[in-house]
Amino acid sequence: MQVEVDIAFEQLVQIARKLSDGEWQRLKGEVESEKKLKDDNDDLLEFLLKGPTFTKEQIDTIEENGKAINRWRTIS
């Protein structure tokens, strides 16, 4: 079961201040691990978006090579 609650930031801060030391450390660890995961995903996305791309000529060459390989396979 999942419940969504709309809490103002100030309320969230008040709730966090009431946590015990152990609960605070656990919450802090969860938040930091989520942030690290998000940062890793952002790095991957940036890498993919800035990575090299094929030119039209390269794509044409790849297609031609694929067709040649298929012709060779049907002849054998």
PDB file of N, CA and C in Angstrom:
ATOM      1  N   MET A   1       0.849  -1.184   0.000  1.00  0.00           N
ATOM      2  CA  MET A   1       0.000   0.000   0.000  1.00  0.00           C
ATOM      3  C   MET A   1       0.886   1.235   0.000  1.00  0.00           C
ATOM      4  N   GLN A   2       0.497   2.233  -0.757  1.00  0.00           N
ATOM      5  CA  GLN A   2       1.277   3.452  -0.859  1.00  0.00           C
ATOM      6  C   GLN A   2       0.379   4.651  -0.582  1.00  0.00           C
ATOM      7  N   VAL A   3       0.882   5.559   0.242  1.00  0.00           N
ATOM      8  CA  VAL A   3       0.124   6.755   0.598  1.00  0.00           C
ATOM      9  C   VAL A   3       0.980   7.968   0.293  1.00  0.00           C
ATOM     10  N   GLU A   4       0.410   8.946  -0.372  1.00  0.00           N
ATOM     11  CA  GLU A   4       1.114  10.192  -0.637  1.00  0.00           C
ATOM     12  C   GLU A   4       0.595  11.265   0.301  1.00  0.00           C
ATOM     13  N   VAL A   5       1.534  12.015   0.894  1.00  0.00           N
ATOM     14  CA  VAL A   5       1.176  13.087   1.814  1.00  0.00           C
ATOM     15  C   VAL A   5       1.871  14.354   1.341  1.00  0.00           C
ATOM     16  N   ASP A   6       1.130  15.437   1.276  1.00  0.00           N
ATOM     17  CA  ASP A   6       1.697  16.716   0.869  1.00  0.00           C
ATOM     18  C   ASP A   6       2.113  17.466   2.138  1.00  0.00           C
ATOM     19  N   ILE A   7       3.434  17.590   2.344  1.00  0.00           N
ATOM     20  CA  ILE A   7       3.968  18.236   3.543  1.00  0.00           C
ATOM     21  C   ILE A   7       4.804  19.425   3.099  1.00  0.00           C
ATOM     22  N   ALA A   8       4.590  20.553   3.767  1.00  0.00           N
ATOM     23  CA  ALA A   8       5.396  21.732   3.481  1.00  0.00           C
ATOM     24  C   ALA A   8       6.828  21.485   3.956  1.00  0.00           C
ATOM     25  N   PHE A   9       7.761  22.149   3.329  1.00  0.00           N
ATOM     26  CA  PHE A   9       9.171  21.951   3.675  1.00  0.00           C
ATOM     27  C   PHE A   9       9.425  22.232   5.147  1.00  0.00           C
ATOM     28  N   GLU A  10       8.822  23.285   5.682  1.00  0.00           N
ATOM     29  CA  GLU A  10       9.030  23.638   7.088  1.00  0.00           C
ATOM     30  C   GLU A  10       8.541  22.512   8.003  1.00  0.00           C
ATOM     31  N   GLN A  11       7.434  21.899   7.641  1.00  0.00           N
ATOM     32  CA  GLN A  11       6.919  20.782   8.428  1.00  0.00           C
ATOM     33  C   GLN A  11       7.879  19.596   8.367  1.00  0.00           C
ATOM     34  N   LEU A  12       8.426  19.371   7.210  1.00  0.00           N
ATOM     35  CA  LEU A  12       9.381  18.288   7.049  1.00  0.00           C
ATOM     36  C   LEU A  12      10.619  18.519   7.918  1.00  0.00           C
ATOM     37  N   VAL A  13      11.083  19.740   7.964  1.00  0.00           N
ATOM     38  CA  VAL A  13      12.239  20.076   8.804  1.00  0.00           C
ATOM     39  C   VAL A  13      11.902  19.834  10.270  1.00  0.00           C
ATOM     40  N   GLN A  14      10.726  20.233  10.699  1.00  0.00           N
ATOM     41  CA  GLN A  14      10.320  20.013  12.092  1.00  0.00           C
ATOM     42  C   GLN A  14      10.269  18.533  12.420  1.00  0.00           C
ATOM     43  N   ILE A  15       9.757  17.733  11.512  1.00  0.00           N
ATOM     44  CA  ILE A  15       9.689  16.284  11.725  1.00  0.00           C
ATOM     45  C   ILE A  15      11.108  15.709  11.808  1.00  0.00           C
ATOM     46  N   ALA A  16      11.980  16.149  10.921  1.00  0.00           N
ATOM     47  CA  ALA A  16      13.351  15.643  10.905  1.00  0.00           C
ATOM     48  C   ALA A  16      14.077  15.984  12.199  1.00  0.00           C
ATOM     49  N   ARG A  17      13.807  17.136  12.763  1.00  0.00           N
ATOM     50  CA  ARG A  17      14.457  17.549  14.013  1.00  0.00           C
ATOM     51  C   ARG A  17      14.035  16.678  15.186  1.00  0.00           C
ATOM     52  N   LYS A  18      12.887  16.048  15.101  1.00  0.00           N
ATOM     53  CA  LYS A  18      12.395  15.211  16.193  1.00  0.00           C
ATOM     54  C   LYS A  18      12.941  13.791  16.135  1.00  0.00           C
ATOM     55  N   LEU A  19      13.678  13.457  15.066  1.00  0.00           N
ATOM     56  CA  LEU A  19      14.214  12.109  14.931  1.00  0.00           C
ATOM     57  C   LEU A  19      15.334  11.863  15.941  1.00  0.00           C
ATOM     58  N   SER A  20      15.439  10.604  16.365  1.00  0.00           N
ATOM     59  CA  SER A  20      16.561  10.231  17.238  1.00  0.00           C
ATOM     60  C   SER A  20      17.841  10.232  16.399  1.00  0.00           C
ATOM     61  N   ASP A  21      18.985  10.141  17.054  1.00  0.00           N
ATOM     62  CA  ASP A  21      20.254  10.148  16.320  1.00  0.00           C
ATOM     63  C   ASP A  21      20.329   9.002  15.317  1.00  0.00           C
ATOM     64  N   GLY A  22      19.900   7.819  15.724  1.00  0.00           N
ATOM     65  CA  GLY A  22      19.926   6.665  14.829  1.00  0.00           C
ATOM     66  C   GLY A  22      19.013   6.850  13.631  1.00  0.00           C
ATOM     67  N   GLU A  23      17.809   7.359  13.878  1.00  0.00           N
ATOM     68  CA  GLU A  23      16.862   7.607  12.788  1.00  0.00           C
ATOM     69  C   GLU A  23      17.384   8.694  11.859  1.00  0.00           C
ATOM     70  N   TRP A  24      18.017   9.716  12.434  1.00  0.00           N
ATOM     71  CA  TRP A  24      18.574  10.808  11.629  1.00  0.00           C
ATOM     72  C   TRP A  24      19.678  10.280  10.707  1.00  0.00           C
ATOM     73  N   GLN A  25      20.561   9.442  11.249  1.00  0.00           N
ATOM     74  CA  GLN A  25      21.644   8.878  10.446  1.00  0.00           C
ATOM     75  C   GLN A  25      21.086   7.994   9.325  1.00  0.00           C
ATOM     76  N   ARG A  26      20.051   7.244   9.652  1.00  0.00           N
ATOM     77  CA  ARG A  26      19.421   6.380   8.647  1.00  0.00           C
ATOM     78  C   ARG A  26      18.797   7.218   7.533  1.00  0.00           C
ATOM     79  N   LEU A  27      18.063   8.279   7.914  1.00  0.00           N
ATOM     80  CA  LEU A  27      17.450   9.177   6.932  1.00  0.00           C
ATOM     81  C   LEU A  27      18.521   9.846   6.082  1.00  0.00           C
ATOM     82  N   LYS A  28      19.560  10.332   6.713  1.00  0.00           N
ATOM     83  CA  LYS A  28      20.646  10.998   6.005  1.00  0.00           C
ATOM     84  C   LYS A  28      21.287  10.039   4.995  1.00  0.00           C
ATOM     85  N   GLY A  29      21.510   8.798   5.404  1.00  0.00           N
ATOM     86  CA  GLY A  29      22.082   7.805   4.496  1.00  0.00           C
ATOM     87  C   GLY A  29      21.192   7.544   3.300  1.00  0.00           C
ATOM     88  N   GLU A  30      19.886   7.440   3.535  1.00  0.00           N
ATOM     89  CA  GLU A  30      18.935   7.213   2.434  1.00  0.00           C
ATOM     90  C   GLU A  30      18.954   8.369   1.445  1.00  0.00           C
ATOM     91  N   VAL A  31      18.942   9.591   1.975  1.00  0.00           N
ATOM     92  CA  VAL A  31      18.920  10.776   1.110  1.00  0.00           C
ATOM     93  C   VAL A  31      20.210  10.853   0.296  1.00  0.00           C
ATOM     94  N   GLU A  32      21.339  10.593   0.943  1.00  0.00           N
ATOM     95  CA  GLU A  32      22.620  10.668   0.238  1.00  0.00           C
ATOM     96  C   GLU A  32      22.737   9.579  -0.829  1.00  0.00           C
ATOM     97  N   SER A  33      22.231   8.381  -0.540  1.00  0.00           N
ATOM     98  CA  SER A  33      22.306   7.315  -1.547  1.00  0.00           C
ATOM     99  C   SER A  33      21.399   7.629  -2.739  1.00  0.00           C
ATOM    100  N   GLU A  34      20.237   8.230  -2.490  1.00  0.00           N
ATOM    101  CA  GLU A  34      19.352   8.638  -3.589  1.00  0.00           C
ATOM    102  C   GLU A  34      20.020   9.722  -4.432  1.00  0.00           C
ATOM    103  N   LYS A  35      20.677  10.678  -3.767  1.00  0.00           N
ATOM    104  CA  LYS A  35      21.354  11.756  -4.484  1.00  0.00           C
ATOM    105  C   LYS A  35      22.482  11.191  -5.332  1.00  0.00           C
ATOM    106  N   LYS A  36      23.249  10.243  -4.794  1.00  0.00           N
ATOM    107  CA  LYS A  36      24.345   9.633  -5.547  1.00  0.00           C
ATOM    108  C   LYS A  36      23.802   8.903  -6.769  1.00  0.00           C
ATOM    109  N   LEU A  37      22.710   8.179  -6.589  1.00  0.00           N
ATOM    110  CA  LEU A  37      22.102   7.462  -7.711  1.00  0.00           C
ATOM    111  C   LEU A  37      21.657   8.445  -8.788  1.00  0.00           C
ATOM    112  N   LYS A  38      21.043   9.548  -8.379  1.00  0.00           N
ATOM    113  CA  LYS A  38      20.596  10.562  -9.335  1.00  0.00           C
ATOM    114  C   LYS A  38      21.789  11.183 -10.058  1.00  0.00           C
ATOM    115  N   ASP A  39      22.859  11.481  -9.308  1.00  0.00           N
ATOM    116  CA  ASP A  39      24.056  12.058  -9.924  1.00  0.00           C
ATOM    117  C   ASP A  39      24.660  11.091 -10.933  1.00  0.00           C
ATOM    118  N   ASP A  40      24.703   9.795 -10.591  1.00  0.00           N
ATOM    119  CA  ASP A  40      25.237   8.794 -11.513  1.00  0.00           C
ATOM    120  C   ASP A  40      24.403   8.742 -12.790  1.00  0.00           C
ATOM    121  N   ASN A  41      23.073   8.801 -12.637  1.00  0.00           N
ATOM    122  CA  ASN A  41      22.187   8.776 -13.808  1.00  0.00           C
ATOM    123  C   ASN A  41      22.378  10.024 -14.652  1.00  0.00           C
ATOM    124  N   ASP A  42      22.567  11.176 -13.997  1.00  0.00           N
ATOM    125  CA  ASP A  42      22.801  12.416 -14.735  1.00  0.00           C
ATOM    126  C   ASP A  42      24.106  12.346 -15.516  1.00  0.00           C
ATOM    127  N   ASP A  43      25.146  11.744 -14.906  1.00  0.00           N
ATOM    128  CA  ASP A  43      26.429  11.597 -15.595  1.00  0.00           C
ATOM    129  C   ASP A  43      26.278  10.716 -16.829  1.00  0.00           C
ATOM    130  N   LEU A  44      25.546   9.623 -16.700  1.00  0.00           N
ATOM    131  CA  LEU A  44      25.332   8.725 -17.829  1.00  0.00           C
ATOM    132  C   LEU A  44      24.556   9.432 -18.936  1.00  0.00           C
ATOM    133  N   LEU A  45      23.514  10.145 -18.561  1.00  0.00           N
ATOM    134  CA  LEU A  45      22.721  10.871 -19.556  1.00  0.00           C
ATOM    135  C   LEU A  45      23.578  11.903 -20.280  1.00  0.00           C
ATOM    136  N   GLU A  46      24.379  12.639 -19.537  1.00  0.00           N
ATOM    137  CA  GLU A  46      25.247  13.645 -20.149  1.00  0.00           C
ATOM    138  C   GLU A  46      26.245  12.987 -21.111  1.00  0.00           C
ATOM    139  N   PHE A  47      26.816  11.853 -20.687  1.00  0.00           N
ATOM    140  CA  PHE A  47      27.755  11.126 -21.540  1.00  0.00           C
ATOM    141  C   PHE A  47      27.084  10.699 -22.840  1.00  0.00           C
ATOM    142  N   LEU A  48      25.876  10.146 -22.726  1.00  0.00           N
ATOM    143  CA  LEU A  48      25.177   9.677 -23.922  1.00  0.00           C
ATOM    144  C   LEU A  48      24.802  10.822 -24.845  1.00  0.00           C
ATOM    145  N   LEU A  49      24.375  11.942 -24.270  1.00  0.00           N
ATOM    146  CA  LEU A  49      23.968  13.073 -25.108  1.00  0.00           C
ATOM    147  C   LEU A  49      25.148  13.772 -25.773  1.00  0.00           C
ATOM    148  N   LYS A  50      26.312  13.728 -25.139  1.00  0.00           N
ATOM    149  CA  LYS A  50      27.484  14.394 -25.697  1.00  0.00           C
ATOM    150  C   LYS A  50      28.388  13.438 -26.461  1.00  0.00           C
ATOM    151  N   GLY A  51      28.006  12.185 -26.534  1.00  0.00           N
ATOM    152  CA  GLY A  51      28.836  11.181 -27.194  1.00  0.00           C
ATOM    153  C   GLY A  51      28.862  11.354 -28.694  1.00  0.00           C
ATOM    154  N   PRO A  52      29.747  10.607 -29.339  1.00  0.00           N
ATOM    155  CA  PRO A  52      29.858  10.707 -30.798  1.00  0.00           C
ATOM    156  C   PRO A  52      28.622  10.143 -31.492  1.00  0.00           C
ATOM    157  N   THR A  53      28.351  10.652 -32.661  1.00  0.00           N
ATOM    158  CA  THR A  53      27.225  10.172 -33.461  1.00  0.00           C
ATOM    159  C   THR A  53      27.743   9.818 -34.856  1.00  0.00           C
ATOM    160  N   PHE A  54      26.989   8.960 -35.537  1.00  0.00           N
ATOM    161  CA  PHE A  54      27.359   8.577 -36.890  1.00  0.00           C
ATOM    162  C   PHE A  54      26.930   9.653 -37.875  1.00  0.00           C
ATOM    163  N   THR A  55      27.741   9.816 -38.908  1.00  0.00           N
ATOM    164  CA  THR A  55      27.353  10.703 -40.000  1.00  0.00           C
ATOM    165  C   THR A  55      26.460   9.915 -40.949  1.00  0.00           C
ATOM    166  N   LYS A  56      25.806  10.600 -41.850  1.00  0.00           N
ATOM    167  CA  LYS A  56      24.946   9.951 -42.838  1.00  0.00           C
ATOM    168  C   LYS A  56      25.764   8.978 -43.686  1.00  0.00           C
ATOM    169  N   GLU A  57      26.985   9.375 -44.027  1.00  0.00           N
ATOM    170  CA  GLU A  57      27.849   8.514 -44.842  1.00  0.00           C
ATOM    171  C   GLU A  57      28.210   7.232 -44.077  1.00  0.00           C
ATOM    172  N   GLN A  58      28.485   7.349 -42.784  1.00  0.00           N
ATOM    173  CA  GLN A  58      28.821   6.170 -41.992  1.00  0.00           C
ATOM    174  C   GLN A  58      27.630   5.219 -41.882  1.00  0.00           C
ATOM    175  N   ILE A  59      26.444   5.775 -41.705  1.00  0.00           N
ATOM    176  CA  ILE A  59      25.242   4.946 -41.639  1.00  0.00           C
ATOM    177  C   ILE A  59      25.022   4.232 -42.969  1.00  0.00           C
ATOM    178  N   ASP A  60      25.219   4.948 -44.072  1.00  0.00           N
ATOM    179  CA  ASP A  60      25.079   4.331 -45.396  1.00  0.00           C
ATOM    180  C   ASP A  60      26.078   3.189 -45.567  1.00  0.00           C
ATOM    181  N   THR A  61      27.317   3.392 -45.120  1.00  0.00           N
ATOM    182  CA  THR A  61      28.341   2.344 -45.226  1.00  0.00           C
ATOM    183  C   THR A  61      27.946   1.125 -44.402  1.00  0.00           C
ATOM    184  N   ILE A  62      27.454   1.341 -43.203  1.00  0.00           N
ATOM    185  CA  ILE A  62      27.028   0.233 -42.346  1.00  0.00           C
ATOM    186  C   ILE A  62      25.892  -0.545 -43.011  1.00  0.00           C
ATOM    187  N   GLU A  63      24.927   0.176 -43.583  1.00  0.00           N
ATOM    188  CA  GLU A  63      23.819  -0.492 -44.267  1.00  0.00           C
ATOM    189  C   GLU A  63      24.307  -1.293 -45.459  1.00  0.00           C
ATOM    190  N   GLU A  64      25.213  -0.716 -46.235  1.00  0.00           N
ATOM    191  CA  GLU A  64      25.763  -1.426 -47.397  1.00  0.00           C
ATOM    192  C   GLU A  64      26.495  -2.688 -46.951  1.00  0.00           C
ATOM    193  N   ASN A  65      27.275  -2.576 -45.894  1.00  0.00           N
ATOM    194  CA  ASN A  65      28.001  -3.747 -45.391  1.00  0.00           C
ATOM    195  C   ASN A  65      27.030  -4.821 -44.907  1.00  0.00           C
ATOM    196  N   GLY A  66      25.960  -4.413 -44.251  1.00  0.00           N
ATOM    197  CA  GLY A  66      24.954  -5.374 -43.803  1.00  0.00           C
ATOM    198  C   GLY A  66      24.305  -6.094 -44.961  1.00  0.00           C
ATOM    199  N   LYS A  67      23.990  -5.353 -46.016  1.00  0.00           N
ATOM    200  CA  LYS A  67      23.396  -5.969 -47.205  1.00  0.00           C
ATOM    201  C   LYS A  67      24.378  -6.934 -47.859  1.00  0.00           C
ATOM    202  N   ALA A  68      25.654  -6.540 -47.928  1.00  0.00           N
ATOM    203  CA  ALA A  68      26.666  -7.415 -48.531  1.00  0.00           C
ATOM    204  C   ALA A  68      26.820  -8.699 -47.721  1.00  0.00           C
ATOM    205  N   ILE A  69      26.815  -8.596 -46.419  1.00  0.00           N
ATOM    206  CA  ILE A  69      26.925  -9.780 -45.562  1.00  0.00           C
ATOM    207  C   ILE A  69      25.717 -10.684 -45.761  1.00  0.00           C
ATOM    208  N   ASN A  70      24.527 -10.107 -45.847  1.00  0.00           N
ATOM    209  CA  ASN A  70      23.317 -10.910 -46.065  1.00  0.00           C
ATOM    210  C   ASN A  70      23.358 -11.617 -47.428  1.00  0.00           C
ATOM    211  N   ARG A  71      23.842 -10.930 -48.457  1.00  0.00           N
ATOM    212  CA  ARG A  71      23.970 -11.570 -49.776  1.00  0.00           C
ATOM    213  C   ARG A  71      24.969 -12.715 -49.711  1.00  0.00           C
ATOM    214  N   TRP A  72      26.077 -12.506 -49.027  1.00  0.00           N
ATOM    215  CA  TRP A  72      27.115 -13.537 -48.891  1.00  0.00           C
ATOM    216  C   TRP A  72      26.553 -14.760 -48.157  1.00  0.00           C
ATOM    217  N   ARG A  73      25.743 -14.519 -47.124  1.00  0.00           N
ATOM    218  CA  ARG A  73      25.191 -15.629 -46.340  1.00  0.00           C
ATOM    219  C   ARG A  73      24.194 -16.445 -47.149  1.00  0.00           C
ATOM    220  N   THR A  74      23.444 -15.805 -48.046  1.00  0.00           N
ATOM    221  CA  THR A  74      22.453 -16.545 -48.836  1.00  0.00           C
ATOM    222  C   THR A  74      23.115 -17.328 -49.969  1.00  0.00           C
ATOM    223  N   ILE A  75      24.292 -16.887 -50.419  1.00  0.00           N
ATOM    224  CA  ILE A  75      25.012 -17.584 -51.488  1.00  0.00           C
ATOM    225  C   ILE A  75      25.674 -18.851 -50.954  1.00  0.00           C
ATOM    226  N   SER A  76      26.190 -18.811 -49.754  1.00  0.00           N
ATOM    227  CA  SER A  76      26.949 -19.940 -49.202  1.00  0.00           C
ATOM    228  C   SER A  76      26.132 -21.149 -48.983  1.00  0.00           C
TER     229      SER A  76
END
